[in-house]
Amino acid sequence: MINQITKSQAVTSLVPNLVFHLHPDGKIELANIDGQENTGTIPSEEAITDEMTRLQADYDSKDYARKRASEYPSIADQLDDIYHNGIDAWKATIKLTKDKYPKS
Protein backbone atom coordinates (compact mmCIF):
# COMPACT_ATOMS: atom_id res chain seq x y z
CA MET A 1 0.00 0.00 0.00
CA ILE A 2 1.35 3.40 -0.98
CA ASN A 3 0.98 6.20 1.54
CA GLN A 4 0.86 9.73 0.17
CA ILE A 5 1.83 12.41 2.67
CA THR A 6 -0.78 15.15 2.86
CA LYS A 7 -0.51 18.90 3.20
CA SER A 8 -2.27 18.64 6.54
CA GLN A 9 0.32 16.16 7.83
CA ALA A 10 3.13 18.48 6.74
CA VAL A 11 1.60 21.51 8.47
CA THR A 12 1.06 19.50 11.65
CA SER A 13 4.65 18.27 11.50
CA LEU A 14 5.97 21.83 11.12
CA VAL A 15 3.68 23.42 13.72
CA PRO A 16 2.34 20.64 15.97
CA ASN A 17 -0.06 22.78 18.04
CA LEU A 18 -1.45 24.88 15.20
CA VAL A 19 -5.23 24.69 14.91
CA PHE A 20 -6.20 25.16 11.28
CA HIS A 21 -8.68 24.33 8.56
CA LEU A 22 -7.48 23.01 5.24
CA HIS A 23 -9.99 23.95 2.55
CA PRO A 24 -10.61 21.74 -0.51
CA ASP A 25 -8.78 24.29 -2.68
CA GLY A 26 -5.66 23.86 -0.51
CA LYS A 27 -6.00 27.17 1.32
CA ILE A 28 -5.07 27.03 4.99
CA GLU A 29 -6.93 29.16 7.50
CA LEU A 30 -6.31 29.55 11.21
CA ALA A 31 -9.17 28.20 13.33
CA ASN A 32 -10.60 29.80 16.43
CA ILE A 33 -9.83 27.99 19.67
CA ASP A 34 -12.80 27.99 22.05
CA GLY A 35 -13.89 31.33 20.65
CA GLN A 36 -10.42 32.83 21.09
CA GLU A 37 -8.33 34.16 18.23
CA ASN A 38 -5.66 31.73 17.05
CA THR A 39 -2.29 33.49 17.04
CA GLY A 40 -0.37 30.71 15.33
CA THR A 41 1.61 31.19 12.14
CA ILE A 42 0.88 29.23 8.99
CA PRO A 43 4.08 27.95 7.34
CA SER A 44 4.90 29.11 3.82
CA GLU A 45 3.86 26.97 0.84
CA GLU A 46 7.54 26.30 0.17
CA ALA A 47 8.10 25.09 3.74
CA ILE A 48 4.99 22.89 3.51
CA THR A 49 6.11 21.38 0.18
CA ASP A 50 9.61 20.74 1.53
CA GLU A 51 8.15 19.07 4.63
CA MET A 52 5.85 16.90 2.50
CA THR A 53 8.88 15.77 0.50
CA ARG A 54 10.87 15.06 3.68
CA LEU A 55 8.03 13.14 5.33
CA GLN A 56 7.40 11.10 2.17
CA ALA A 57 11.09 10.18 1.90
CA ASP A 58 11.13 9.17 5.56
CA TYR A 59 8.00 7.04 5.13
CA ASP A 60 9.31 5.40 1.95
CA SER A 61 12.67 4.61 3.57
CA LYS A 62 10.94 2.52 6.25
CA ASP A 63 9.00 0.28 3.88
CA TYR A 64 11.20 -2.69 4.79
CA ALA A 65 10.29 -2.29 8.48
CA ARG A 66 6.55 -2.26 7.78
CA LYS A 67 6.88 -5.39 5.65
CA ARG A 68 8.95 -7.14 8.30
CA ALA A 69 6.49 -6.24 11.07
CA SER A 70 3.61 -7.79 9.15
CA GLU A 71 5.49 -11.08 8.71
CA TYR A 72 7.17 -11.55 12.07
CA PRO A 73 5.47 -14.06 14.37
CA SER A 74 3.64 -12.54 17.33
CA ILE A 75 5.72 -11.86 20.44
CA ALA A 76 3.97 -14.75 22.19
CA ASP A 77 4.90 -17.11 19.34
CA GLN A 78 8.48 -15.82 19.34
CA LEU A 79 8.82 -16.41 23.08
CA ASP A 80 7.31 -19.88 22.69
CA ASP A 81 9.83 -20.61 19.92
CA ILE A 82 12.71 -19.51 22.17
CA TYR A 83 11.41 -21.62 25.07
CA HIS A 84 10.91 -24.78 23.01
CA ASN A 85 13.67 -24.50 20.41
CA GLY A 86 16.27 -22.15 21.83
CA ILE A 87 17.57 -18.75 20.87
CA ASP A 88 19.42 -19.96 17.77
CA ALA A 89 16.23 -21.39 16.23
CA TRP A 90 14.44 -18.11 16.98
CA LYS A 91 17.27 -16.14 15.34
CA ALA A 92 17.00 -18.34 12.24
CA THR A 93 13.24 -17.71 12.02
CA ILE A 94 13.69 -13.94 12.35
CA LYS A 95 16.59 -13.93 9.88
CA LEU A 96 14.33 -15.35 7.14
CA THR A 97 12.13 -12.25 7.30
CA LYS A 98 15.09 -9.88 7.66
CA ASP A 99 16.70 -11.42 4.58
CA LYS A 100 13.45 -11.23 2.64
CA TYR A 101 13.09 -7.48 3.40
CA PRO A 102 16.61 -6.04 3.84
CA LYS A 103 17.25 -2.45 4.85
CA SER A 104 17.83 -0.24 1.83
PDB file of N, CA and C in Angstrom:
ATOM      1  N   MET A   1       0.837  -1.175   0.000  1.00  0.00           N
ATOM      2  CA  MET A   1       0.000   0.000   0.000  1.00  0.00           C
ATOM      3  C   MET A   1       0.886   1.243   0.000  1.00  0.00           C
ATOM      4  N   ILE A   2       0.582   2.167  -0.881  1.00  0.00           N
ATOM      5  CA  ILE A   2       1.353   3.399  -0.980  1.00  0.00           C
ATOM      6  C   ILE A   2       0.693   4.461  -0.105  1.00  0.00           C
ATOM      7  N   ASN A   3       1.481   5.118   0.696  1.00  0.00           N
ATOM      8  CA  ASN A   3       0.984   6.201   1.535  1.00  0.00           C
ATOM      9  C   ASN A   3       1.447   7.515   0.933  1.00  0.00           C
ATOM     10  N   GLN A   4       0.528   8.409   0.702  1.00  0.00           N
ATOM     11  CA  GLN A   4       0.863   9.728   0.174  1.00  0.00           C
ATOM     12  C   GLN A   4       0.739  10.734   1.310  1.00  0.00           C
ATOM     13  N   ILE A   5       1.822  11.405   1.621  1.00  0.00           N
ATOM     14  CA  ILE A   5       1.828  12.407   2.674  1.00  0.00           C
ATOM     15  C   ILE A   5       0.950  13.579   2.240  1.00  0.00           C
ATOM     16  N   THR A   6       0.142  14.064   3.167  1.00  0.00           N
ATOM     17  CA  THR A   6      -0.785  15.153   2.860  1.00  0.00           C
ATOM     18  C   THR A   6      -0.255  16.499   3.329  1.00  0.00           C
ATOM     19  N   LYS A   7      -0.850  17.532   2.791  1.00  0.00           N
ATOM     20  CA  LYS A   7      -0.505  18.902   3.195  1.00  0.00           C
ATOM     21  C   LYS A   7      -0.799  19.089   4.684  1.00  0.00           C
ATOM     22  N   SER A   8      -1.898  18.537   5.133  1.00  0.00           N
ATOM     23  CA  SER A   8      -2.272  18.638   6.541  1.00  0.00           C
ATOM     24  C   SER A   8      -1.218  17.994   7.444  1.00  0.00           C
ATOM     25  N   GLN A   9      -0.727  16.827   7.045  1.00  0.00           N
ATOM     26  CA  GLN A   9       0.322  16.160   7.835  1.00  0.00           C
ATOM     27  C   GLN A   9       1.591  17.006   7.892  1.00  0.00           C
ATOM     28  N   ALA A  10       1.933  17.642   6.780  1.00  0.00           N
ATOM     29  CA  ALA A  10       3.133  18.476   6.742  1.00  0.00           C
ATOM     30  C   ALA A  10       2.987  19.684   7.649  1.00  0.00           C
ATOM     31  N   VAL A  11       1.827  20.345   7.604  1.00  0.00           N
ATOM     32  CA  VAL A  11       1.603  21.509   8.469  1.00  0.00           C
ATOM     33  C   VAL A  11       1.681  21.090   9.930  1.00  0.00           C
ATOM     34  N   THR A  12       1.037  19.978  10.271  1.00  0.00           N
ATOM     35  CA  THR A  12       1.056  19.501  11.649  1.00  0.00           C
ATOM     36  C   THR A  12       2.476  19.135  12.086  1.00  0.00           C
ATOM     37  N   SER A  13       3.266  18.600  11.185  1.00  0.00           N
ATOM     38  CA  SER A  13       4.651  18.275  11.503  1.00  0.00           C
ATOM     39  C   SER A  13       5.470  19.544  11.767  1.00  0.00           C
ATOM     40  N   LEU A  14       5.224  20.565  10.976  1.00  0.00           N
ATOM     41  CA  LEU A  14       5.966  21.826  11.122  1.00  0.00           C
ATOM     42  C   LEU A  14       5.531  22.621  12.345  1.00  0.00           C
ATOM     43  N   VAL A  15       4.222  22.644  12.601  1.00  0.00           N
ATOM     44  CA  VAL A  15       3.678  23.421  13.718  1.00  0.00           C
ATOM     45  C   VAL A  15       2.679  22.524  14.461  1.00  0.00           C
ATOM     46  N   PRO A  16       3.181  21.672  15.358  1.00  0.00           N
ATOM     47  CA  PRO A  16       2.341  20.642  15.971  1.00  0.00           C
ATOM     48  C   PRO A  16       1.079  21.148  16.673  1.00  0.00           C
ATOM     49  N   ASN A  17       1.096  22.300  17.271  1.00  0.00           N
ATOM     50  CA  ASN A  17      -0.055  22.782  18.038  1.00  0.00           C
ATOM     51  C   ASN A  17      -0.927  23.758  17.269  1.00  0.00           C
ATOM     52  N   LEU A  18      -0.666  23.945  15.999  1.00  0.00           N
ATOM     53  CA  LEU A  18      -1.454  24.879  15.196  1.00  0.00           C
ATOM     54  C   LEU A  18      -2.837  24.296  14.942  1.00  0.00           C
ATOM     55  N   VAL A  19      -3.857  25.109  15.190  1.00  0.00           N
ATOM     56  CA  VAL A  19      -5.230  24.694  14.912  1.00  0.00           C
ATOM     57  C   VAL A  19      -5.635  25.388  13.621  1.00  0.00           C
ATOM     58  N   PHE A  20      -5.939  24.586  12.597  1.00  0.00           N
ATOM     59  CA  PHE A  20      -6.201  25.160  11.277  1.00  0.00           C
ATOM     60  C   PHE A  20      -7.250  24.361  10.532  1.00  0.00           C
ATOM     61  N   HIS A  21      -7.778  24.993   9.500  1.00  0.00           N
ATOM     62  CA  HIS A  21      -8.683  24.326   8.560  1.00  0.00           C
ATOM     63  C   HIS A  21      -7.965  24.278   7.227  1.00  0.00           C
ATOM     64  N   LEU A  22      -8.018  23.144   6.582  1.00  0.00           N
ATOM     65  CA  LEU A  22      -7.484  23.006   5.238  1.00  0.00           C
ATOM     66  C   LEU A  22      -8.686  22.910   4.302  1.00  0.00           C
ATOM     67  N   HIS A  23      -8.862  23.905   3.472  1.00  0.00           N
ATOM     68  CA  HIS A  23      -9.986  23.950   2.550  1.00  0.00           C
ATOM     69  C   HIS A  23      -9.719  23.054   1.342  1.00  0.00           C
ATOM     70  N   PRO A  24     -10.778  22.611   0.663  1.00  0.00           N
ATOM     71  CA  PRO A  24     -10.608  21.738  -0.512  1.00  0.00           C
ATOM     72  C   PRO A  24      -9.702  22.328  -1.592  1.00  0.00           C
ATOM     73  N   ASP A  25      -9.644  23.656  -1.677  1.00  0.00           N
ATOM     74  CA  ASP A  25      -8.782  24.287  -2.682  1.00  0.00           C
ATOM     75  C   ASP A  25      -7.328  24.377  -2.228  1.00  0.00           C
ATOM     76  N   GLY A  26      -7.028  23.857  -1.027  1.00  0.00           N
ATOM     77  CA  GLY A  26      -5.662  23.859  -0.512  1.00  0.00           C
ATOM     78  C   GLY A  26      -5.328  25.047   0.368  1.00  0.00           C
ATOM     79  N   LYS A  27      -6.238  26.000   0.476  1.00  0.00           N
ATOM     80  CA  LYS A  27      -5.998  27.172   1.317  1.00  0.00           C
ATOM     81  C   LYS A  27      -6.050  26.758   2.785  1.00  0.00           C
ATOM     82  N   ILE A  28      -5.133  27.309   3.558  1.00  0.00           N
ATOM     83  CA  ILE A  28      -5.074  27.031   4.992  1.00  0.00           C
ATOM     84  C   ILE A  28      -5.539  28.274   5.730  1.00  0.00           C
ATOM     85  N   GLU A  29      -6.387  28.052   6.716  1.00  0.00           N
ATOM     86  CA  GLU A  29      -6.928  29.164   7.498  1.00  0.00           C
ATOM     87  C   GLU A  29      -6.812  28.815   8.977  1.00  0.00           C
ATOM     88  N   LEU A  30      -6.380  29.779   9.778  1.00  0.00           N
ATOM     89  CA  LEU A  30      -6.311  29.550  11.215  1.00  0.00           C
ATOM     90  C   LEU A  30      -7.719  29.360  11.752  1.00  0.00           C
ATOM     91  N   ALA A  31      -7.874  28.463  12.710  1.00  0.00           N
ATOM     92  CA  ALA A  31      -9.175  28.198  13.327  1.00  0.00           C
ATOM     93  C   ALA A  31      -9.229  28.864  14.688  1.00  0.00           C
ATOM     94  N   ASN A  32     -10.419  29.260  15.085  1.00  0.00           N
ATOM     95  CA  ASN A  32     -10.598  29.797  16.433  1.00  0.00           C
ATOM     96  C   ASN A  32     -10.500  28.659  17.439  1.00  0.00           C
ATOM     97  N   ILE A  33      -9.979  28.975  18.601  1.00  0.00           N
ATOM     98  CA  ILE A  33      -9.831  27.988  19.665  1.00  0.00           C
ATOM     99  C   ILE A  33     -10.746  28.412  20.799  1.00  0.00           C
ATOM    100  N   ASP A  34     -11.818  27.675  20.995  1.00  0.00           N
ATOM    101  CA  ASP A  34     -12.796  27.988  22.045  1.00  0.00           C
ATOM    102  C   ASP A  34     -13.206  29.454  22.005  1.00  0.00           C
ATOM    103  N   GLY A  35     -13.446  29.959  20.809  1.00  0.00           N
ATOM    104  CA  GLY A  35     -13.888  31.333  20.648  1.00  0.00           C
ATOM    105  C   GLY A  35     -12.772  32.363  20.733  1.00  0.00           C
ATOM    106  N   GLN A  36     -11.553  31.918  20.981  1.00  0.00           N
ATOM    107  CA  GLN A  36     -10.416  32.834  21.088  1.00  0.00           C
ATOM    108  C   GLN A  36      -9.674  32.882  19.759  1.00  0.00           C
ATOM    109  N   GLU A  37      -9.097  34.025  19.470  1.00  0.00           N
ATOM    110  CA  GLU A  37      -8.332  34.161  18.228  1.00  0.00           C
ATOM    111  C   GLU A  37      -7.100  33.262  18.279  1.00  0.00           C
ATOM    112  N   ASN A  38      -6.832  32.600  17.176  1.00  0.00           N
ATOM    113  CA  ASN A  38      -5.664  31.730  17.051  1.00  0.00           C
ATOM    114  C   ASN A  38      -4.494  32.605  16.598  1.00  0.00           C
ATOM    115  N   THR A  39      -3.433  32.629  17.371  1.00  0.00           N
ATOM    116  CA  THR A  39      -2.289  33.493  17.039  1.00  0.00           C
ATOM    117  C   THR A  39      -1.141  32.724  16.401  1.00  0.00           C
ATOM    118  N   GLY A  40      -1.416  31.509  15.961  1.00  0.00           N
ATOM    119  CA  GLY A  40      -0.374  30.708  15.328  1.00  0.00           C
ATOM    120  C   GLY A  40       0.033  31.283  13.984  1.00  0.00           C
ATOM    121  N   THR A  41       1.108  30.744  13.441  1.00  0.00           N
ATOM    122  CA  THR A  41       1.610  31.191  12.140  1.00  0.00           C
ATOM    123  C   THR A  41       1.580  30.020  11.171  1.00  0.00           C
ATOM    124  N   ILE A  42       0.957  30.254  10.031  1.00  0.00           N
ATOM    125  CA  ILE A  42       0.882  29.233   8.994  1.00  0.00           C
ATOM    126  C   ILE A  42       2.218  29.204   8.247  1.00  0.00           C
ATOM    127  N   PRO A  43       2.815  28.033   8.083  1.00  0.00           N
ATOM    128  CA  PRO A  43       4.081  27.945   7.340  1.00  0.00           C
ATOM    129  C   PRO A  43       3.881  28.348   5.871  1.00  0.00           C
ATOM    130  N   SER A  44       4.964  28.738   5.243  1.00  0.00           N
ATOM    131  CA  SER A  44       4.902  29.107   3.821  1.00  0.00           C
ATOM    132  C   SER A  44       4.623  27.865   2.972  1.00  0.00           C
ATOM    133  N   GLU A  45       4.118  28.090   1.767  1.00  0.00           N
ATOM    134  CA  GLU A  45       3.861  26.972   0.842  1.00  0.00           C
ATOM    135  C   GLU A  45       5.151  26.205   0.551  1.00  0.00           C
ATOM    136  N   GLU A  46       6.247  26.948   0.430  1.00  0.00           N
ATOM    137  CA  GLU A  46       7.540  26.298   0.170  1.00  0.00           C
ATOM    138  C   GLU A  46       7.941  25.393   1.332  1.00  0.00           C
ATOM    139  N   ALA A  47       7.758  25.897   2.562  1.00  0.00           N
ATOM    140  CA  ALA A  47       8.095  25.089   3.738  1.00  0.00           C
ATOM    141  C   ALA A  47       7.205  23.852   3.813  1.00  0.00           C
ATOM    142  N   ILE A  48       5.927  24.013   3.477  1.00  0.00           N
ATOM    143  CA  ILE A  48       4.995  22.886   3.507  1.00  0.00           C
ATOM    144  C   ILE A  48       5.385  21.846   2.456  1.00  0.00           C
ATOM    145  N   THR A  49       5.700  22.300   1.250  1.00  0.00           N
ATOM    146  CA  THR A  49       6.107  21.384   0.175  1.00  0.00           C
ATOM    147  C   THR A  49       7.393  20.649   0.547  1.00  0.00           C
ATOM    148  N   ASP A  50       8.354  21.369   1.105  1.00  0.00           N
ATOM    149  CA  ASP A  50       9.612  20.737   1.531  1.00  0.00           C
ATOM    150  C   ASP A  50       9.357  19.689   2.615  1.00  0.00           C
ATOM    151  N   GLU A  51       8.457  20.012   3.546  1.00  0.00           N
ATOM    152  CA  GLU A  51       8.151  19.067   4.628  1.00  0.00           C
ATOM    153  C   GLU A  51       7.414  17.847   4.086  1.00  0.00           C
ATOM    154  N   MET A  52       6.523  18.043   3.119  1.00  0.00           N
ATOM    155  CA  MET A  52       5.847  16.903   2.498  1.00  0.00           C
ATOM    156  C   MET A  52       6.860  15.976   1.841  1.00  0.00           C
ATOM    157  N   THR A  53       7.827  16.560   1.156  1.00  0.00           N
ATOM    158  CA  THR A  53       8.882  15.774   0.503  1.00  0.00           C
ATOM    159  C   THR A  53       9.708  15.019   1.538  1.00  0.00           C
ATOM    160  N   ARG A  54      10.075  15.695   2.622  1.00  0.00           N
ATOM    161  CA  ARG A  54      10.874  15.064   3.680  1.00  0.00           C
ATOM    162  C   ARG A  54      10.106  13.926   4.341  1.00  0.00           C
ATOM    163  N   LEU A  55       8.841  14.175   4.685  1.00  0.00           N
ATOM    164  CA  LEU A  55       8.031  13.144   5.329  1.00  0.00           C
ATOM    165  C   LEU A  55       7.811  11.943   4.418  1.00  0.00           C
ATOM    166  N   GLN A  56       7.607  12.198   3.121  1.00  0.00           N
ATOM    167  CA  GLN A  56       7.403  11.097   2.175  1.00  0.00           C
ATOM    168  C   GLN A  56       8.667  10.251   2.056  1.00  0.00           C
ATOM    169  N   ALA A  57       9.817  10.914   1.985  1.00  0.00           N
ATOM    170  CA  ALA A  57      11.086  10.182   1.898  1.00  0.00           C
ATOM    171  C   ALA A  57      11.311   9.338   3.149  1.00  0.00           C
ATOM    172  N   ASP A  58      10.986   9.903   4.307  1.00  0.00           N
ATOM    173  CA  ASP A  58      11.132   9.172   5.559  1.00  0.00           C
ATOM    174  C   ASP A  58      10.205   7.954   5.581  1.00  0.00           C
ATOM    175  N   TYR A  59       8.959   8.147   5.187  1.00  0.00           N
ATOM    176  CA  TYR A  59       7.996   7.040   5.131  1.00  0.00           C
ATOM    177  C   TYR A  59       8.476   5.958   4.166  1.00  0.00           C
ATOM    178  N   ASP A  60       8.867   6.366   2.975  1.00  0.00           N
ATOM    179  CA  ASP A  60       9.308   5.402   1.952  1.00  0.00           C
ATOM    180  C   ASP A  60      10.538   4.619   2.404  1.00  0.00           C
ATOM    181  N   SER A  61      11.434   5.271   3.147  1.00  0.00           N
ATOM    182  CA  SER A  61      12.671   4.612   3.570  1.00  0.00           C
ATOM    183  C   SER A  61      12.429   3.523   4.607  1.00  0.00           C
ATOM    184  N   LYS A  62      11.243   3.512   5.218  1.00  0.00           N
ATOM    185  CA  LYS A  62      10.942   2.525   6.251  1.00  0.00           C
ATOM    186  C   LYS A  62       9.997   1.426   5.766  1.00  0.00           C
ATOM    187  N   ASP A  63       9.880   1.301   4.447  1.00  0.00           N
ATOM    188  CA  ASP A  63       8.998   0.282   3.877  1.00  0.00           C
ATOM    189  C   ASP A  63       9.409  -1.117   4.332  1.00  0.00           C
ATOM    190  N   TYR A  64      10.708  -1.377   4.372  1.00  0.00           N
ATOM    191  CA  TYR A  64      11.197  -2.693   4.790  1.00  0.00           C
ATOM    192  C   TYR A  64      10.714  -3.024   6.204  1.00  0.00           C
ATOM    193  N   ALA A  65      10.692  -2.047   7.091  1.00  0.00           N
ATOM    194  CA  ALA A  65      10.293  -2.286   8.482  1.00  0.00           C
ATOM    195  C   ALA A  65       8.807  -2.632   8.573  1.00  0.00           C
ATOM    196  N   ARG A  66       7.975  -1.943   7.783  1.00  0.00           N
ATOM    197  CA  ARG A  66       6.548  -2.265   7.782  1.00  0.00           C
ATOM    198  C   ARG A  66       6.303  -3.670   7.241  1.00  0.00           C
ATOM    199  N   LYS A  67       7.030  -4.049   6.211  1.00  0.00           N
ATOM    200  CA  LYS A  67       6.875  -5.391   5.649  1.00  0.00           C
ATOM    201  C   LYS A  67       7.332  -6.451   6.642  1.00  0.00           C
ATOM    202  N   ARG A  68       8.459  -6.192   7.306  1.00  0.00           N
ATOM    203  CA  ARG A  68       8.951  -7.144   8.301  1.00  0.00           C
ATOM    204  C   ARG A  68       7.928  -7.311   9.427  1.00  0.00           C
ATOM    205  N   ALA A  69       7.424  -6.199   9.930  1.00  0.00           N
ATOM    206  CA  ALA A  69       6.495  -6.244  11.065  1.00  0.00           C
ATOM    207  C   ALA A  69       5.264  -7.079  10.751  1.00  0.00           C
ATOM    208  N   SER A  70       4.814  -7.021   9.504  1.00  0.00           N
ATOM    209  CA  SER A  70       3.615  -7.788   9.149  1.00  0.00           C
ATOM    210  C   SER A  70       3.892  -9.279   9.026  1.00  0.00           C
ATOM    211  N   GLU A  71       5.151  -9.665   8.873  1.00  0.00           N
ATOM    212  CA  GLU A  71       5.487 -11.084   8.709  1.00  0.00           C
ATOM    213  C   GLU A  71       6.098 -11.742   9.936  1.00  0.00           C
ATOM    214  N   TYR A  72       6.605 -10.945  10.868  1.00  0.00           N
ATOM    215  CA  TYR A  72       7.171 -11.546  12.074  1.00  0.00           C
ATOM    216  C   TYR A  72       6.075 -12.287  12.844  1.00  0.00           C
ATOM    217  N   PRO A  73       6.439 -13.398  13.474  1.00  0.00           N
ATOM    218  CA  PRO A  73       5.469 -14.057  14.366  1.00  0.00           C
ATOM    219  C   PRO A  73       5.136 -13.113  15.531  1.00  0.00           C
ATOM    220  N   SER A  74       3.998 -13.347  16.157  1.00  0.00           N
ATOM    221  CA  SER A  74       3.635 -12.537  17.328  1.00  0.00           C
ATOM    222  C   SER A  74       4.706 -12.703  18.409  1.00  0.00           C
ATOM    223  N   ILE A  75       4.751 -11.779  19.333  1.00  0.00           N
ATOM    224  CA  ILE A  75       5.723 -11.860  20.436  1.00  0.00           C
ATOM    225  C   ILE A  75       5.506 -13.160  21.220  1.00  0.00           C
ATOM    226  N   ALA A  76       4.256 -13.513  21.455  1.00  0.00           N
ATOM    227  CA  ALA A  76       3.967 -14.755  22.189  1.00  0.00           C
ATOM    228  C   ALA A  76       4.537 -15.965  21.445  1.00  0.00           C
ATOM    229  N   ASP A  77       4.360 -15.989  20.119  1.00  0.00           N
ATOM    230  CA  ASP A  77       4.898 -17.106  19.339  1.00  0.00           C
ATOM    231  C   ASP A  77       6.426 -17.098  19.335  1.00  0.00           C
ATOM    232  N   GLN A  78       7.013 -15.909  19.304  1.00  0.00           N
ATOM    233  CA  GLN A  78       8.477 -15.825  19.339  1.00  0.00           C
ATOM    234  C   GLN A  78       9.012 -16.338  20.681  1.00  0.00           C
ATOM    235  N   LEU A  79       8.373 -15.942  21.765  1.00  0.00           N
ATOM    236  CA  LEU A  79       8.817 -16.408  23.079  1.00  0.00           C
ATOM    237  C   LEU A  79       8.636 -17.923  23.209  1.00  0.00           C
ATOM    238  N   ASP A  80       7.548 -18.432  22.672  1.00  0.00           N
ATOM    239  CA  ASP A  80       7.314 -19.876  22.692  1.00  0.00           C
ATOM    240  C   ASP A  80       8.400 -20.603  21.899  1.00  0.00           C
ATOM    241  N   ASP A  81       8.766 -20.037  20.751  1.00  0.00           N
ATOM    242  CA  ASP A  81       9.834 -20.613  19.922  1.00  0.00           C
ATOM    243  C   ASP A  81      11.155 -20.649  20.691  1.00  0.00           C
ATOM    244  N   ILE A  82      11.470 -19.564  21.377  1.00  0.00           N
ATOM    245  CA  ILE A  82      12.706 -19.515  22.174  1.00  0.00           C
ATOM    246  C   ILE A  82      12.660 -20.571  23.274  1.00  0.00           C
ATOM    247  N   TYR A  83      11.534 -20.662  23.961  1.00  0.00           N
ATOM    248  CA  TYR A  83      11.406 -21.618  25.067  1.00  0.00           C
ATOM    249  C   TYR A  83      11.577 -23.058  24.580  1.00  0.00           C
ATOM    250  N   HIS A  84      10.900 -23.387  23.485  1.00  0.00           N
ATOM    251  CA  HIS A  84      10.911 -24.776  23.014  1.00  0.00           C
ATOM    252  C   HIS A  84      12.121 -25.137  22.157  1.00  0.00           C
ATOM    253  N   ASN A  85      12.634 -24.175  21.390  1.00  0.00           N
ATOM    254  CA  ASN A  85      13.665 -24.502  20.406  1.00  0.00           C
ATOM    255  C   ASN A  85      14.997 -23.790  20.622  1.00  0.00           C
ATOM    256  N   GLY A  86      15.029 -22.859  21.533  1.00  0.00           N
ATOM    257  CA  GLY A  86      16.270 -22.152  21.828  1.00  0.00           C
ATOM    258  C   GLY A  86      16.436 -20.873  21.016  1.00  0.00           C
ATOM    259  N   ILE A  87      17.350 -20.075  21.461  1.00  0.00           N
ATOM    260  CA  ILE A  87      17.565 -18.754  20.867  1.00  0.00           C
ATOM    261  C   ILE A  87      18.074 -18.845  19.429  1.00  0.00           C
ATOM    262  N   ASP A  88      18.879 -19.838  19.125  1.00  0.00           N
ATOM    263  CA  ASP A  88      19.416 -19.962  17.766  1.00  0.00           C
ATOM    264  C   ASP A  88      18.320 -20.268  16.748  1.00  0.00           C
ATOM    265  N   ALA A  89      17.351 -21.093  17.132  1.00  0.00           N
ATOM    266  CA  ALA A  89      16.229 -21.387  16.234  1.00  0.00           C
ATOM    267  C   ALA A  89      15.394 -20.126  16.010  1.00  0.00           C
ATOM    268  N   TRP A  90      15.187 -19.377  17.090  1.00  0.00           N
ATOM    269  CA  TRP A  90      14.443 -18.110  16.977  1.00  0.00           C
ATOM    270  C   TRP A  90      15.166 -17.151  16.039  1.00  0.00           C
ATOM    271  N   LYS A  91      16.489 -17.019  16.216  1.00  0.00           N
ATOM    272  CA  LYS A  91      17.272 -16.135  15.344  1.00  0.00           C
ATOM    273  C   LYS A  91      17.133 -16.554  13.882  1.00  0.00           C
ATOM    274  N   ALA A  92      17.129 -17.844  13.620  1.00  0.00           N
ATOM    275  CA  ALA A  92      16.999 -18.339  12.245  1.00  0.00           C
ATOM    276  C   ALA A  92      15.632 -17.963  11.667  1.00  0.00           C
ATOM    277  N   THR A  93      14.594 -18.073  12.469  1.00  0.00           N
ATOM    278  CA  THR A  93      13.245 -17.707  12.022  1.00  0.00           C
ATOM    279  C   THR A  93      13.183 -16.221  11.682  1.00  0.00           C
ATOM    280  N   ILE A  94      13.712 -15.395  12.552  1.00  0.00           N
ATOM    281  CA  ILE A  94      13.686 -13.942  12.345  1.00  0.00           C
ATOM    282  C   ILE A  94      14.545 -13.555  11.149  1.00  0.00           C
ATOM    283  N   LYS A  95      15.682 -14.236  10.981  1.00  0.00           N
ATOM    284  CA  LYS A  95      16.589 -13.930   9.877  1.00  0.00           C
ATOM    285  C   LYS A  95      15.926 -14.138   8.513  1.00  0.00           C
ATOM    286  N   LEU A  96      15.038 -15.117   8.406  1.00  0.00           N
ATOM    287  CA  LEU A  96      14.333 -15.350   7.138  1.00  0.00           C
ATOM    288  C   LEU A  96      13.580 -14.089   6.700  1.00  0.00           C
ATOM    289  N   THR A  97      12.884 -13.464   7.630  1.00  0.00           N
ATOM    290  CA  THR A  97      12.135 -12.249   7.299  1.00  0.00           C
ATOM    291  C   THR A  97      13.085 -11.088   7.053  1.00  0.00           C
ATOM    292  N   LYS A  98      14.130 -10.965   7.865  1.00  0.00           N
ATOM    293  CA  LYS A  98      15.093  -9.878   7.662  1.00  0.00           C
ATOM    294  C   LYS A  98      15.773  -9.999   6.291  1.00  0.00           C
ATOM    295  N   ASP A  99      16.073 -11.215   5.892  1.00  0.00           N
ATOM    296  CA  ASP A  99      16.704 -11.417   4.581  1.00  0.00           C
ATOM    297  C   ASP A  99      15.726 -11.141   3.436  1.00  0.00           C
ATOM    298  N   LYS A 100      14.470 -11.460   3.674  1.00  0.00           N
ATOM    299  CA  LYS A 100      13.447 -11.229   2.639  1.00  0.00           C
ATOM    300  C   LYS A 100      13.229  -9.740   2.409  1.00  0.00           C
ATOM    301  N   TYR A 101      13.304  -8.935   3.489  1.00  0.00           N
ATOM    302  CA  TYR A 101      13.093  -7.484   3.404  1.00  0.00           C
ATOM    303  C   TYR A 101      14.300  -6.761   4.012  1.00  0.00           C
ATOM    304  N   PRO A 102      15.424  -6.686   3.283  1.00  0.00           N
ATOM    305  CA  PRO A 102      16.613  -6.036   3.839  1.00  0.00           C
ATOM    306  C   PRO A 102      16.440  -4.517   3.918  1.00  0.00           C
ATOM    307  N   LYS A 103      17.230  -3.914   4.794  1.00  0.00           N
ATOM    308  CA  LYS A 103      17.253  -2.452   4.853  1.00  0.00           C
ATOM    309  C   LYS A 103      17.828  -1.952   3.539  1.00  0.00           C
ATOM    310  N   SER A 104      17.339  -0.821   3.107  1.00  0.00           N
ATOM    311  CA  SER A 104      17.827  -0.244   1.832  1.00  0.00           C
ATOM    312  C   SER A 104      19.260   0.191   1.929  1.00  0.00           C
TER     313      SER A 104
END
